[in-house]
C-alpha atoms as a PDB file:
ATOM      1  CA  MET A   1       0.000   0.000   0.000  1.00  0.00           C
ATOM      2  CA  ALA A   2       1.489   3.352  -1.039  1.00  0.00           C
ATOM      3  CA  MET A   3       1.652   6.134   1.499  1.00  0.00           C
ATOM      4  CA  THR A   4      -0.144   9.222   0.195  1.00  0.00           C
ATOM      5  CA  ALA A   5       0.340  11.548   3.153  1.00  0.00           C
ATOM      6  CA  ILE A   6       3.399  13.755   3.173  1.00  0.00           C
ATOM      7  CA  THR A   7       5.809  12.728   5.894  1.00  0.00           C
ATOM      8  CA  PRO A   8       7.391  15.738   7.594  1.00  0.00           C
ATOM      9  CA  VAL A   9      11.163  15.893   7.438  1.00  0.00           C
ATOM     10  CA  LEU A  10      13.153  17.165  10.384  1.00  0.00           C
ATOM     11  CA  THR A  11      16.550  18.487   9.316  1.00  0.00           C
ATOM     12  CA  ASP A  12      19.543  19.208  11.529  1.00  0.00           C
ATOM     13  CA  SER A  13      19.010  22.965  11.240  1.00  0.00           C
ATOM     14  CA  LYS A  14      15.299  22.675  12.051  1.00  0.00           C
ATOM     15  CA  THR A  15      16.093  20.496  15.048  1.00  0.00           C
ATOM     16  CA  LEU A  16      18.713  22.957  16.275  1.00  0.00           C
ATOM     17  CA  ASN A  17      16.296  25.880  15.896  1.00  0.00           C
ATOM     18  CA  GLU A  18      13.557  24.046  17.794  1.00  0.00           C
ATOM     19  CA  VAL A  19      15.913  23.103  20.626  1.00  0.00           C
ATOM     20  CA  VAL A  20      17.347  26.634  20.887  1.00  0.00           C
ATOM     21  CA  ASN A  21      13.837  28.134  20.875  1.00  0.00           C
ATOM     22  CA  CYS A  22      12.671  25.713  23.566  1.00  0.00           C
ATOM     23  CA  LEU A  23      15.699  26.423  25.754  1.00  0.00           C
ATOM     24  CA  SER A  24      15.365  30.190  25.247  1.00  0.00           C
ATOM     25  CA  GLU A  25      11.729  30.133  26.310  1.00  0.00           C
ATOM     26  CA  ASN A  26      12.291  27.954  29.373  1.00  0.00           C
ATOM     27  CA  ILE A  27      15.809  28.825  30.545  1.00  0.00           C
ATOM     28  CA  PRO A  28      16.415  32.553  30.096  1.00  0.00           C
ATOM     29  CA  ILE A  29      20.053  33.627  30.340  1.00  0.00           C
ATOM     30  CA  GLN A  30      21.019  37.263  30.702  1.00  0.00           C
ATOM     31  CA  THR A  31      24.098  38.059  28.667  1.00  0.00           C
ATOM     32  CA  GLN A  32      26.542  40.927  28.481  1.00  0.00           C
ATOM     33  CA  GLY A  33      28.561  42.092  25.536  1.00  0.00           C
ATOM     34  CA  LYS A  34      28.718  40.415  22.141  1.00  0.00           C
ATOM     35  CA  CYS A  35      27.397  36.981  23.038  1.00  0.00           C
ATOM     36  CA  GLU A  36      23.638  36.454  22.807  1.00  0.00           C
ATOM     37  CA  GLN A  37      21.562  33.772  24.501  1.00  0.00           C
ATOM     38  CA  LYS A  38      21.050  31.982  21.172  1.00  0.00           C
ATOM     39  CA  ASN A  39      24.816  31.761  20.639  1.00  0.00           C
ATOM     40  CA  ILE A  40      25.354  30.297  24.097  1.00  0.00           C
ATOM     41  CA  PHE A  41      22.777  27.574  23.520  1.00  0.00           C
ATOM     42  CA  GLU A  42      24.167  26.776  20.054  1.00  0.00           C
ATOM     43  CA  ILE A  43      27.665  26.377  21.521  1.00  0.00           C
ATOM     44  CA  LEU A  44      26.429  24.176  24.375  1.00  0.00           C
ATOM     45  CA  ILE A  45      24.305  22.010  22.065  1.00  0.00           C
ATOM     46  CA  ARG A  46      27.106  21.532  19.533  1.00  0.00           C
ATOM     47  CA  ALA A  47      29.643  20.749  22.253  1.00  0.00           C
ATOM     48  CA  ALA A  48      27.296  18.163  23.755  1.00  0.00           C
ATOM     49  CA  THR A  49      26.391  16.502  20.460  1.00  0.00           C
ATOM     50  CA  GLN A  50      29.979  16.432  19.214  1.00  0.00           C
ATOM     51  CA  ARG A  51      31.396  15.434  22.628  1.00  0.00           C
ATOM     52  CA  ASP A  52      33.707  18.400  22.391  1.00  0.00           C
ATOM     53  CA  ARG A  53      34.915  21.049  24.818  1.00  0.00           C
ATOM     54  CA  ILE A  54      33.003  24.318  25.016  1.00  0.00           C
ATOM     55  CA  GLU A  55      36.196  26.299  24.381  1.00  0.00           C
ATOM     56  CA  ASN A  56      36.992  24.375  21.199  1.00  0.00           C
ATOM     57  CA  THR A  57      33.391  24.508  19.995  1.00  0.00           C
ATOM     58  CA  SER A  58      33.210  28.274  20.426  1.00  0.00           C
ATOM     59  CA  LYS A  59      36.373  28.632  18.325  1.00  0.00           C
ATOM     60  CA  VAL A  60      34.931  26.395  15.600  1.00  0.00           C
ATOM     61  CA  LEU A  61      31.669  28.362  15.434  1.00  0.00           C
ATOM     62  CA  LYS A  62      33.334  31.795  15.137  1.00  0.00           C
END
């Protein structure tokens, strides 16, 4: 039987955006200077998923 309904696709960038939005709404972080809350969450998420250090991840994302 052929599936006629469109199956939604969740890409890496969509997943990242959803996670960052969820964290931003539920865990507000006040920042100072150049770094924004979104950047902090992106660094933490990438470091966790890549099993990397936060320092190295922040250098990679610059």
